[in-house]
Amino acid sequence: MERSVDGPQRRKRRPPVVAGAQPSREARPGPPDAAGAGAAAGADDRRPSRSELRNQAARAALAPLAPGERPRALLVAVAVTALLGAANAVAYAAGAKIGSHHPGVGVLSFSVVMALLAGGMWARRYLAVLAFEALLAITVTFFTLFLVEASNIEGVLLCVGVIGAGGWLFWKLVRVMGRLSAPRHSSS
């Protein structure tokens, strides 16, 4: 690729779009629809992209969770949440100290949040799984930052273990969330 003496090449600018105005058919390059009118694509007069077609096929292939069904990843998430909340409450009750003094009652709020998340995920609530995934993403991010500062092999192994397990659980819960939000198909 040759460069001009005048500097980098610039793209041609598009004319500004006026609010509420629809661009003409000539302004939209692209192959015409097989039907010719673009009725299948809706009011946009464009065919969906290949990636959107793949997304639609993946959504159609998702089967909603059957009544009472709890995938393994969801059960693992419920167990992790319940264990973390219970361990925090037990440590508080046993008199564990942080920085040479006993933490306040506010520390128990973590246990309450974990109990609520565990109950919500057990009840197969989408928002509970979403909230747990947000906490999981934050945890993985923090342990990635801790990995940079790890000064011994135990610290490195702990960080890599949390990042690996958290990333696996996050990835598996994405499909569970898709199945939780999949529309139920009628049998008639």
N, C-alpha and C. Protein backbone atom coordinates (compact mmCIF):
# COMPACT_ATOMS: atom_id res chain seq x y z
N MET A 1 0.85 -1.16 0.00
CA MET A 1 0.00 0.00 0.00
C MET A 1 0.89 1.23 0.00
N GLU A 2 0.65 2.11 -0.95
CA GLU A 2 1.46 3.31 -1.06
C GLU A 2 0.85 4.43 -0.22
N ARG A 3 1.71 5.22 0.32
CA ARG A 3 1.26 6.39 1.06
C ARG A 3 1.53 7.63 0.21
N SER A 4 0.64 8.54 0.32
CA SER A 4 0.84 9.77 -0.45
C SER A 4 1.82 10.68 0.29
N VAL A 5 2.38 11.60 -0.46
CA VAL A 5 3.32 12.55 0.11
C VAL A 5 2.59 13.54 1.00
N ASP A 6 1.31 13.76 0.73
CA ASP A 6 0.53 14.76 1.46
C ASP A 6 0.11 14.27 2.85
N GLY A 7 0.29 13.02 3.19
CA GLY A 7 -0.12 12.49 4.48
C GLY A 7 -1.01 11.26 4.30
N PRO A 8 -1.64 10.83 5.38
CA PRO A 8 -2.47 9.63 5.29
C PRO A 8 -3.70 9.87 4.43
N GLN A 9 -4.15 8.80 3.78
CA GLN A 9 -5.35 8.91 2.96
C GLN A 9 -6.56 8.99 3.86
N ARG A 10 -7.54 9.73 3.45
CA ARG A 10 -8.74 9.91 4.25
C ARG A 10 -9.93 9.31 3.52
N ARG A 11 -10.89 8.85 4.31
CA ARG A 11 -12.12 8.31 3.73
C ARG A 11 -13.02 9.44 3.28
N LYS A 12 -13.85 9.13 2.29
CA LYS A 12 -14.81 10.11 1.83
C LYS A 12 -15.87 10.32 2.90
N ARG A 13 -16.21 11.54 3.19
CA ARG A 13 -17.20 11.84 4.21
C ARG A 13 -18.60 11.64 3.66
N ARG A 14 -19.47 11.16 4.54
CA ARG A 14 -20.88 11.01 4.18
C ARG A 14 -21.60 12.31 4.48
N PRO A 15 -22.66 12.60 3.74
CA PRO A 15 -23.42 13.80 4.07
C PRO A 15 -24.13 13.60 5.41
N PRO A 16 -24.37 14.67 6.16
CA PRO A 16 -25.02 14.52 7.48
C PRO A 16 -26.45 14.01 7.31
N VAL A 17 -26.89 13.23 8.30
CA VAL A 17 -28.23 12.67 8.29
C VAL A 17 -29.15 13.62 9.05
N VAL A 18 -30.25 13.98 8.43
CA VAL A 18 -31.22 14.86 9.05
C VAL A 18 -32.15 14.00 9.89
N ALA A 19 -32.45 14.45 11.12
CA ALA A 19 -33.31 13.68 12.02
C ALA A 19 -34.67 13.48 11.39
N GLY A 20 -35.13 12.23 11.37
CA GLY A 20 -36.45 11.89 10.86
C GLY A 20 -36.47 11.63 9.37
N ALA A 21 -35.42 11.99 8.65
CA ALA A 21 -35.39 11.76 7.21
C ALA A 21 -34.82 10.39 6.92
N GLN A 22 -35.40 9.71 5.95
CA GLN A 22 -34.91 8.41 5.53
C GLN A 22 -34.00 8.59 4.32
N PRO A 23 -32.81 7.97 4.33
CA PRO A 23 -31.96 8.07 3.16
C PRO A 23 -32.61 7.36 1.97
N SER A 24 -32.28 7.82 0.78
CA SER A 24 -32.86 7.22 -0.42
C SER A 24 -32.29 5.83 -0.63
N ARG A 25 -32.93 5.06 -1.50
CA ARG A 25 -32.50 3.69 -1.81
C ARG A 25 -31.11 3.72 -2.44
N GLU A 26 -30.80 4.75 -3.22
CA GLU A 26 -29.49 4.83 -3.87
C GLU A 26 -28.38 5.04 -2.85
N ALA A 27 -28.70 5.66 -1.71
CA ALA A 27 -27.68 5.96 -0.70
C ALA A 27 -27.26 4.73 0.06
N ARG A 28 -28.01 3.65 -0.09
CA ARG A 28 -27.68 2.42 0.64
C ARG A 28 -27.13 1.38 -0.33
N PRO A 29 -25.82 1.25 -0.38
CA PRO A 29 -25.27 0.25 -1.28
C PRO A 29 -25.51 -1.15 -0.73
N GLY A 30 -25.50 -2.11 -1.63
CA GLY A 30 -25.67 -3.49 -1.20
C GLY A 30 -26.48 -4.24 -2.23
N PRO A 31 -26.42 -5.55 -2.19
CA PRO A 31 -27.15 -6.34 -3.17
C PRO A 31 -28.65 -6.27 -2.91
N PRO A 32 -29.45 -6.32 -3.97
CA PRO A 32 -30.90 -6.32 -3.78
C PRO A 32 -31.37 -7.64 -3.19
N ASP A 33 -32.55 -7.60 -2.57
CA ASP A 33 -33.12 -8.81 -1.99
C ASP A 33 -33.53 -9.77 -3.09
N ALA A 34 -33.65 -11.04 -2.72
CA ALA A 34 -34.09 -12.06 -3.66
C ALA A 34 -35.53 -11.77 -4.09
N ALA A 35 -36.35 -11.26 -3.20
CA ALA A 35 -37.73 -10.94 -3.52
C ALA A 35 -37.82 -9.64 -4.30
N GLY A 36 -36.79 -8.82 -4.23
CA GLY A 36 -36.77 -7.58 -4.98
C GLY A 36 -37.28 -6.39 -4.19
N ALA A 37 -38.19 -6.58 -3.27
CA ALA A 37 -38.78 -5.46 -2.56
C ALA A 37 -38.23 -5.28 -1.16
N GLY A 38 -37.58 -6.30 -0.62
CA GLY A 38 -37.03 -6.19 0.72
C GLY A 38 -38.07 -6.35 1.80
N ALA A 39 -39.18 -6.96 1.50
CA ALA A 39 -40.27 -7.09 2.48
C ALA A 39 -39.87 -7.98 3.65
N ALA A 40 -39.00 -8.95 3.41
CA ALA A 40 -38.61 -9.86 4.50
C ALA A 40 -37.76 -9.15 5.54
N ALA A 41 -37.05 -8.12 5.15
CA ALA A 41 -36.18 -7.42 6.09
C ALA A 41 -36.92 -6.36 6.89
N GLY A 42 -38.14 -6.06 6.54
CA GLY A 42 -38.89 -5.08 7.30
C GLY A 42 -38.75 -3.70 6.72
N ALA A 43 -38.93 -2.69 7.55
CA ALA A 43 -38.94 -1.30 7.10
C ALA A 43 -37.55 -0.81 6.74
N ASP A 44 -36.51 -1.52 7.13
CA ASP A 44 -35.15 -1.07 6.90
C ASP A 44 -34.69 -1.29 5.46
N ASP A 45 -35.37 -2.10 4.70
CA ASP A 45 -35.05 -2.42 3.31
C ASP A 45 -33.68 -3.06 3.15
N ARG A 46 -33.18 -3.72 4.16
CA ARG A 46 -31.91 -4.43 4.07
C ARG A 46 -32.09 -5.85 4.55
N ARG A 47 -31.28 -6.74 3.99
CA ARG A 47 -31.27 -8.11 4.48
C ARG A 47 -30.43 -8.17 5.74
N PRO A 48 -30.76 -9.07 6.66
CA PRO A 48 -29.93 -9.20 7.87
C PRO A 48 -28.54 -9.70 7.49
N SER A 49 -27.56 -9.29 8.27
CA SER A 49 -26.19 -9.72 8.01
C SER A 49 -26.03 -11.20 8.33
N ARG A 50 -24.93 -11.76 7.88
CA ARG A 50 -24.67 -13.18 8.16
C ARG A 50 -24.57 -13.45 9.65
N SER A 51 -23.96 -12.51 10.38
CA SER A 51 -23.84 -12.72 11.82
C SER A 51 -25.21 -12.66 12.49
N GLU A 52 -26.08 -11.78 12.03
CA GLU A 52 -27.43 -11.72 12.60
C GLU A 52 -28.22 -12.99 12.27
N LEU A 53 -28.02 -13.53 11.08
CA LEU A 53 -28.67 -14.80 10.74
C LEU A 53 -28.17 -15.93 11.63
N ARG A 54 -26.87 -15.96 11.93
CA ARG A 54 -26.33 -16.97 12.84
C ARG A 54 -26.89 -16.78 14.25
N ASN A 55 -27.02 -15.51 14.69
CA ASN A 55 -27.60 -15.24 16.01
C ASN A 55 -29.04 -15.72 16.09
N GLN A 56 -29.81 -15.47 15.03
CA GLN A 56 -31.19 -15.92 15.01
C GLN A 56 -31.28 -17.44 15.06
N ALA A 57 -30.39 -18.12 14.33
CA ALA A 57 -30.38 -19.59 14.35
C ALA A 57 -30.01 -20.12 15.73
N ALA A 58 -29.04 -19.47 16.38
CA ALA A 58 -28.63 -19.90 17.73
C ALA A 58 -29.76 -19.69 18.72
N ARG A 59 -30.48 -18.56 18.61
CA ARG A 59 -31.61 -18.31 19.51
C ARG A 59 -32.72 -19.33 19.29
N ALA A 60 -32.96 -19.68 18.03
CA ALA A 60 -34.02 -20.65 17.73
C ALA A 60 -33.66 -22.04 18.25
N ALA A 61 -32.37 -22.33 18.32
CA ALA A 61 -31.94 -23.66 18.78
C ALA A 61 -31.96 -23.79 20.30
N LEU A 62 -32.04 -22.66 21.03
CA LEU A 62 -32.07 -22.72 22.48
C LEU A 62 -33.41 -23.27 22.96
N ALA A 63 -33.34 -24.30 23.75
CA ALA A 63 -34.55 -24.86 24.34
C ALA A 63 -34.73 -24.26 25.73
N PRO A 64 -35.91 -23.76 26.04
CA PRO A 64 -36.12 -23.21 27.39
C PRO A 64 -35.98 -24.30 28.44
N LEU A 65 -35.65 -23.89 29.64
CA LEU A 65 -35.52 -24.86 30.73
C LEU A 65 -36.87 -25.49 31.01
N ALA A 66 -36.86 -26.79 31.20
CA ALA A 66 -38.08 -27.50 31.57
C ALA A 66 -38.44 -27.15 33.01
N PRO A 67 -39.69 -27.28 33.39
CA PRO A 67 -40.06 -27.00 34.78
C PRO A 67 -39.24 -27.87 35.74
N GLY A 68 -38.60 -27.21 36.68
CA GLY A 68 -37.79 -27.92 37.66
C GLY A 68 -36.39 -28.26 37.21
N GLU A 69 -36.05 -28.00 35.95
CA GLU A 69 -34.70 -28.32 35.45
C GLU A 69 -33.71 -27.29 35.94
N ARG A 70 -32.59 -27.77 36.45
CA ARG A 70 -31.50 -26.90 36.87
C ARG A 70 -30.20 -27.48 36.30
N PRO A 71 -29.64 -26.80 35.30
CA PRO A 71 -28.39 -27.29 34.70
C PRO A 71 -27.26 -27.32 35.73
N ARG A 72 -26.24 -28.11 35.44
CA ARG A 72 -25.11 -28.29 36.34
C ARG A 72 -24.44 -26.96 36.69
N ALA A 73 -24.28 -26.09 35.70
CA ALA A 73 -23.63 -24.79 35.96
C ALA A 73 -24.44 -23.97 36.96
N LEU A 74 -25.75 -24.03 36.87
CA LEU A 74 -26.60 -23.30 37.81
C LEU A 74 -26.47 -23.88 39.21
N LEU A 75 -26.40 -25.20 39.31
CA LEU A 75 -26.23 -25.84 40.62
C LEU A 75 -24.87 -25.48 41.23
N VAL A 76 -23.83 -25.43 40.40
CA VAL A 76 -22.51 -25.04 40.88
C VAL A 76 -22.55 -23.59 41.38
N ALA A 77 -23.22 -22.71 40.63
CA ALA A 77 -23.31 -21.31 41.05
C ALA A 77 -24.07 -21.18 42.37
N VAL A 78 -25.15 -21.93 42.53
CA VAL A 78 -25.91 -21.89 43.79
C VAL A 78 -25.03 -22.38 44.94
N ALA A 79 -24.29 -23.47 44.72
CA ALA A 79 -23.44 -24.03 45.77
C ALA A 79 -22.33 -23.05 46.16
N VAL A 80 -21.69 -22.44 45.16
CA VAL A 80 -20.60 -21.48 45.44
C VAL A 80 -21.15 -20.30 46.22
N THR A 81 -22.29 -19.80 45.81
CA THR A 81 -22.89 -18.64 46.48
C THR A 81 -23.26 -18.98 47.92
N ALA A 82 -23.91 -20.12 48.11
CA ALA A 82 -24.32 -20.51 49.46
C ALA A 82 -23.11 -20.76 50.36
N LEU A 83 -22.07 -21.41 49.83
CA LEU A 83 -20.87 -21.69 50.62
C LEU A 83 -20.14 -20.40 51.01
N LEU A 84 -20.03 -19.47 50.07
CA LEU A 84 -19.35 -18.20 50.40
C LEU A 84 -20.12 -17.42 51.46
N GLY A 85 -21.43 -17.36 51.32
CA GLY A 85 -22.24 -16.64 52.30
C GLY A 85 -22.19 -17.30 53.67
N ALA A 86 -22.28 -18.63 53.70
CA ALA A 86 -22.24 -19.36 54.97
C ALA A 86 -20.86 -19.24 55.62
N ALA A 87 -19.80 -19.36 54.82
CA ALA A 87 -18.45 -19.25 55.38
C ALA A 87 -18.21 -17.86 55.97
N ASN A 88 -18.72 -16.83 55.33
CA ASN A 88 -18.57 -15.48 55.85
C ASN A 88 -19.33 -15.32 57.17
N ALA A 89 -20.54 -15.84 57.25
CA ALA A 89 -21.33 -15.74 58.49
C ALA A 89 -20.69 -16.53 59.62
N VAL A 90 -20.17 -17.73 59.31
CA VAL A 90 -19.52 -18.55 60.34
C VAL A 90 -18.25 -17.87 60.83
N ALA A 91 -17.47 -17.29 59.93
CA ALA A 91 -16.24 -16.60 60.34
C ALA A 91 -16.57 -15.40 61.22
N TYR A 92 -17.63 -14.69 60.90
CA TYR A 92 -18.03 -13.56 61.73
C TYR A 92 -18.46 -14.04 63.12
N ALA A 93 -19.26 -15.11 63.16
CA ALA A 93 -19.74 -15.64 64.44
C ALA A 93 -18.59 -16.20 65.27
N ALA A 94 -17.57 -16.75 64.60
CA ALA A 94 -16.43 -17.32 65.32
C ALA A 94 -15.46 -16.25 65.83
N GLY A 95 -15.69 -15.00 65.45
CA GLY A 95 -14.84 -13.92 65.95
C GLY A 95 -13.61 -13.67 65.11
N ALA A 96 -13.66 -13.98 63.83
CA ALA A 96 -12.52 -13.72 62.95
C ALA A 96 -12.21 -12.23 62.93
N LYS A 97 -10.93 -11.91 62.86
CA LYS A 97 -10.50 -10.51 62.88
C LYS A 97 -9.90 -10.14 61.54
N ILE A 98 -10.16 -8.91 61.15
CA ILE A 98 -9.57 -8.35 59.94
C ILE A 98 -8.75 -7.15 60.38
N GLY A 99 -7.46 -7.22 60.16
CA GLY A 99 -6.59 -6.12 60.57
C GLY A 99 -6.56 -5.93 62.07
N SER A 100 -6.54 -6.99 62.82
CA SER A 100 -6.44 -7.04 64.28
C SER A 100 -7.68 -6.53 65.03
N HIS A 101 -8.79 -6.34 64.35
CA HIS A 101 -10.03 -6.03 65.07
C HIS A 101 -11.22 -6.71 64.39
N HIS A 102 -12.24 -6.95 65.21
CA HIS A 102 -13.44 -7.65 64.76
C HIS A 102 -14.26 -6.72 63.85
N PRO A 103 -14.65 -7.20 62.64
CA PRO A 103 -15.42 -6.34 61.74
C PRO A 103 -16.83 -6.07 62.28
N GLY A 104 -17.44 -5.02 61.80
CA GLY A 104 -18.78 -4.65 62.24
C GLY A 104 -19.84 -5.56 61.66
N VAL A 105 -21.07 -5.31 62.07
CA VAL A 105 -22.20 -6.12 61.62
C VAL A 105 -22.44 -5.94 60.13
N GLY A 106 -21.96 -4.86 59.54
CA GLY A 106 -22.12 -4.62 58.11
C GLY A 106 -21.51 -5.71 57.25
N VAL A 107 -20.55 -6.45 57.80
CA VAL A 107 -19.93 -7.54 57.06
C VAL A 107 -20.97 -8.63 56.76
N LEU A 108 -21.96 -8.75 57.62
CA LEU A 108 -22.99 -9.76 57.41
C LEU A 108 -23.86 -9.46 56.19
N SER A 109 -23.81 -8.22 55.71
CA SER A 109 -24.60 -7.89 54.51
C SER A 109 -24.16 -8.73 53.32
N PHE A 110 -22.88 -9.07 53.25
CA PHE A 110 -22.40 -9.96 52.19
C PHE A 110 -23.09 -11.32 52.28
N SER A 111 -23.21 -11.84 53.50
CA SER A 111 -23.88 -13.13 53.68
C SER A 111 -25.35 -13.05 53.27
N VAL A 112 -25.99 -11.94 53.57
CA VAL A 112 -27.39 -11.76 53.19
C VAL A 112 -27.52 -11.69 51.67
N VAL A 113 -26.65 -10.94 51.02
CA VAL A 113 -26.69 -10.85 49.56
C VAL A 113 -26.45 -12.22 48.93
N MET A 114 -25.49 -12.97 49.46
CA MET A 114 -25.23 -14.30 48.92
C MET A 114 -26.42 -15.23 49.12
N ALA A 115 -27.08 -15.13 50.27
CA ALA A 115 -28.26 -15.97 50.50
C ALA A 115 -29.39 -15.60 49.54
N LEU A 116 -29.58 -14.30 49.29
CA LEU A 116 -30.60 -13.88 48.34
C LEU A 116 -30.27 -14.35 46.92
N LEU A 117 -29.01 -14.23 46.53
CA LEU A 117 -28.61 -14.70 45.20
C LEU A 117 -28.79 -16.21 45.06
N ALA A 118 -28.38 -16.95 46.09
CA ALA A 118 -28.53 -18.41 46.03
C ALA A 118 -30.01 -18.80 45.91
N GLY A 119 -30.86 -18.14 46.68
CA GLY A 119 -32.29 -18.43 46.60
C GLY A 119 -32.88 -18.04 45.25
N GLY A 120 -32.47 -16.90 44.73
CA GLY A 120 -32.96 -16.47 43.42
C GLY A 120 -32.50 -17.38 42.30
N MET A 121 -31.25 -17.82 42.36
CA MET A 121 -30.77 -18.73 41.32
C MET A 121 -31.44 -20.10 41.45
N TRP A 122 -31.69 -20.55 42.69
CA TRP A 122 -32.39 -21.82 42.88
C TRP A 122 -33.80 -21.74 42.29
N ALA A 123 -34.41 -20.56 42.41
CA ALA A 123 -35.76 -20.34 41.85
C ALA A 123 -35.71 -20.04 40.35
N ARG A 124 -34.51 -20.06 39.78
CA ARG A 124 -34.28 -19.86 38.35
C ARG A 124 -34.71 -18.48 37.89
N ARG A 125 -34.33 -17.48 38.64
CA ARG A 125 -34.62 -16.09 38.30
C ARG A 125 -33.47 -15.52 37.46
N TYR A 126 -33.82 -14.97 36.33
CA TYR A 126 -32.82 -14.44 35.39
C TYR A 126 -31.97 -13.35 36.04
N LEU A 127 -32.61 -12.41 36.73
CA LEU A 127 -31.86 -11.30 37.33
C LEU A 127 -30.90 -11.76 38.42
N ALA A 128 -31.23 -12.82 39.13
CA ALA A 128 -30.31 -13.35 40.14
C ALA A 128 -29.06 -13.93 39.47
N VAL A 129 -29.25 -14.64 38.37
CA VAL A 129 -28.10 -15.19 37.63
C VAL A 129 -27.28 -14.05 37.04
N LEU A 130 -27.95 -13.03 36.53
CA LEU A 130 -27.25 -11.88 35.97
C LEU A 130 -26.43 -11.16 37.05
N ALA A 131 -27.01 -10.97 38.24
CA ALA A 131 -26.29 -10.32 39.33
C ALA A 131 -25.09 -11.16 39.77
N PHE A 132 -25.26 -12.48 39.83
CA PHE A 132 -24.14 -13.35 40.19
C PHE A 132 -23.05 -13.27 39.14
N GLU A 133 -23.42 -13.22 37.86
CA GLU A 133 -22.41 -13.11 36.81
C GLU A 133 -21.67 -11.78 36.90
N ALA A 134 -22.37 -10.72 37.28
CA ALA A 134 -21.69 -9.43 37.46
C ALA A 134 -20.67 -9.52 38.59
N LEU A 135 -21.06 -10.12 39.72
CA LEU A 135 -20.11 -10.30 40.82
C LEU A 135 -18.95 -11.21 40.41
N LEU A 136 -19.24 -12.22 39.62
CA LEU A 136 -18.21 -13.13 39.14
C LEU A 136 -17.23 -12.38 38.23
N ALA A 137 -17.74 -11.53 37.36
CA ALA A 137 -16.87 -10.76 36.46
C ALA A 137 -15.98 -9.80 37.26
N ILE A 138 -16.55 -9.17 38.27
CA ILE A 138 -15.76 -8.27 39.12
C ILE A 138 -14.68 -9.05 39.85
N THR A 139 -15.02 -10.23 40.37
CA THR A 139 -14.05 -11.06 41.09
C THR A 139 -12.91 -11.48 40.17
N VAL A 140 -13.24 -11.94 38.97
CA VAL A 140 -12.21 -12.36 38.01
C VAL A 140 -11.31 -11.17 37.65
N THR A 141 -11.90 -10.01 37.49
CA THR A 141 -11.11 -8.82 37.16
C THR A 141 -10.15 -8.48 38.30
N PHE A 142 -10.64 -8.51 39.54
CA PHE A 142 -9.77 -8.21 40.68
C PHE A 142 -8.64 -9.23 40.79
N PHE A 143 -8.95 -10.51 40.63
CA PHE A 143 -7.89 -11.50 40.73
C PHE A 143 -6.91 -11.41 39.57
N THR A 144 -7.35 -10.90 38.43
CA THR A 144 -6.41 -10.65 37.33
C THR A 144 -5.44 -9.54 37.73
N LEU A 145 -5.96 -8.51 38.40
CA LEU A 145 -5.08 -7.44 38.88
C LEU A 145 -4.16 -7.93 39.99
N PHE A 146 -4.69 -8.80 40.86
CA PHE A 146 -3.84 -9.36 41.92
C PHE A 146 -2.74 -10.23 41.34
N LEU A 147 -3.01 -10.88 40.21
CA LEU A 147 -2.02 -11.74 39.57
C LEU A 147 -0.79 -10.92 39.16
N VAL A 148 -1.00 -9.69 38.76
CA VAL A 148 0.11 -8.83 38.37
C VAL A 148 1.02 -8.56 39.56
N GLU A 149 0.45 -8.46 40.75
CA GLU A 149 1.20 -8.14 41.96
C GLU A 149 1.63 -9.37 42.76
N ALA A 150 1.28 -10.57 42.29
CA ALA A 150 1.62 -11.78 43.05
C ALA A 150 3.14 -11.90 43.17
N SER A 151 3.60 -12.17 44.41
CA SER A 151 5.04 -12.21 44.65
C SER A 151 5.57 -13.60 44.95
N ASN A 152 4.67 -14.59 45.05
CA ASN A 152 5.13 -15.96 45.28
C ASN A 152 4.26 -16.93 44.49
N ILE A 153 4.66 -18.16 44.45
CA ILE A 153 3.98 -19.16 43.64
C ILE A 153 2.57 -19.45 44.17
N GLU A 154 2.38 -19.38 45.49
CA GLU A 154 1.05 -19.62 46.05
C GLU A 154 0.06 -18.55 45.59
N GLY A 155 0.50 -17.31 45.57
CA GLY A 155 -0.35 -16.22 45.10
C GLY A 155 -0.71 -16.37 43.63
N VAL A 156 0.28 -16.77 42.83
CA VAL A 156 0.03 -16.98 41.41
C VAL A 156 -0.97 -18.12 41.21
N LEU A 157 -0.77 -19.23 41.91
CA LEU A 157 -1.67 -20.38 41.76
C LEU A 157 -3.09 -20.04 42.22
N LEU A 158 -3.21 -19.29 43.32
CA LEU A 158 -4.53 -18.89 43.79
C LEU A 158 -5.23 -18.02 42.75
N CYS A 159 -4.52 -17.03 42.22
CA CYS A 159 -5.12 -16.14 41.22
C CYS A 159 -5.51 -16.89 39.95
N VAL A 160 -4.63 -17.75 39.47
CA VAL A 160 -4.93 -18.51 38.26
C VAL A 160 -6.11 -19.45 38.50
N GLY A 161 -6.17 -20.05 39.68
CA GLY A 161 -7.29 -20.94 39.99
C GLY A 161 -8.63 -20.20 40.03
N VAL A 162 -8.65 -19.04 40.68
CA VAL A 162 -9.89 -18.26 40.76
C VAL A 162 -10.28 -17.74 39.38
N ILE A 163 -9.32 -17.27 38.61
CA ILE A 163 -9.61 -16.76 37.27
C ILE A 163 -10.14 -17.89 36.38
N GLY A 164 -9.49 -19.05 36.43
CA GLY A 164 -9.92 -20.18 35.60
C GLY A 164 -11.30 -20.69 35.98
N ALA A 165 -11.52 -20.92 37.27
CA ALA A 165 -12.82 -21.43 37.72
C ALA A 165 -13.92 -20.40 37.51
N GLY A 166 -13.62 -19.13 37.82
CA GLY A 166 -14.62 -18.08 37.62
C GLY A 166 -14.95 -17.87 36.16
N GLY A 167 -13.95 -17.91 35.31
CA GLY A 167 -14.19 -17.76 33.87
C GLY A 167 -15.01 -18.91 33.31
N TRP A 168 -14.69 -20.14 33.76
CA TRP A 168 -15.47 -21.31 33.31
C TRP A 168 -16.92 -21.17 33.74
N LEU A 169 -17.15 -20.82 34.99
CA LEU A 169 -18.52 -20.71 35.50
C LEU A 169 -19.26 -19.57 34.79
N PHE A 170 -18.59 -18.46 34.56
CA PHE A 170 -19.20 -17.35 33.83
C PHE A 170 -19.65 -17.80 32.44
N TRP A 171 -18.76 -18.49 31.73
CA TRP A 171 -19.05 -18.95 30.38
C TRP A 171 -20.23 -19.92 30.37
N LYS A 172 -20.26 -20.83 31.31
CA LYS A 172 -21.35 -21.81 31.36
C LYS A 172 -22.67 -21.16 31.73
N LEU A 173 -22.65 -20.12 32.55
CA LEU A 173 -23.89 -19.46 32.96
C LEU A 173 -24.49 -18.60 31.84
N VAL A 174 -23.69 -18.24 30.85
CA VAL A 174 -24.23 -17.47 29.73
C VAL A 174 -25.29 -18.29 29.00
N ARG A 175 -25.03 -19.55 28.76
CA ARG A 175 -26.01 -20.41 28.08
C ARG A 175 -27.23 -20.63 28.97
N VAL A 176 -27.02 -20.78 30.27
CA VAL A 176 -28.14 -20.94 31.20
C VAL A 176 -29.03 -19.70 31.14
N MET A 177 -28.42 -18.52 31.09
CA MET A 177 -29.21 -17.30 31.00
C MET A 177 -29.98 -17.24 29.69
N GLY A 178 -29.37 -17.71 28.61
CA GLY A 178 -30.09 -17.76 27.34
C GLY A 178 -31.28 -18.69 27.41
N ARG A 179 -31.10 -19.83 28.07
CA ARG A 179 -32.22 -20.77 28.20
C ARG A 179 -33.28 -20.24 29.15
N LEU A 180 -32.87 -19.47 30.17
CA LEU A 180 -33.86 -18.88 31.08
C LEU A 180 -34.72 -17.84 30.36
N SER A 181 -34.14 -17.13 29.41
CA SER A 181 -34.88 -16.08 28.72
C SER A 181 -35.50 -16.56 27.41
N ALA A 182 -35.26 -17.82 27.01
CA ALA A 182 -35.81 -18.32 25.76
C ALA A 182 -37.34 -18.41 25.86
N PRO A 183 -38.02 -18.00 24.81
CA PRO A 183 -39.47 -18.08 24.83
C PRO A 183 -39.96 -19.51 24.81
N ARG A 184 -41.01 -19.76 25.51
CA ARG A 184 -41.60 -21.10 25.53
C ARG A 184 -42.43 -21.28 24.26
N HIS A 185 -42.19 -22.40 23.57
CA HIS A 185 -42.93 -22.70 22.34
C HIS A 185 -44.16 -23.50 22.70
N SER A 186 -45.29 -23.13 22.12
CA SER A 186 -46.52 -23.88 22.41
C SER A 186 -46.50 -25.18 21.63
N SER A 187 -47.11 -26.22 22.18
CA SER A 187 -47.10 -27.54 21.57
C SER A 187 -48.22 -27.70 20.55
N SER A 188 -49.09 -26.71 20.41
CA SER A 188 -50.20 -26.85 19.46
C SER A 188 -49.90 -26.24 18.13
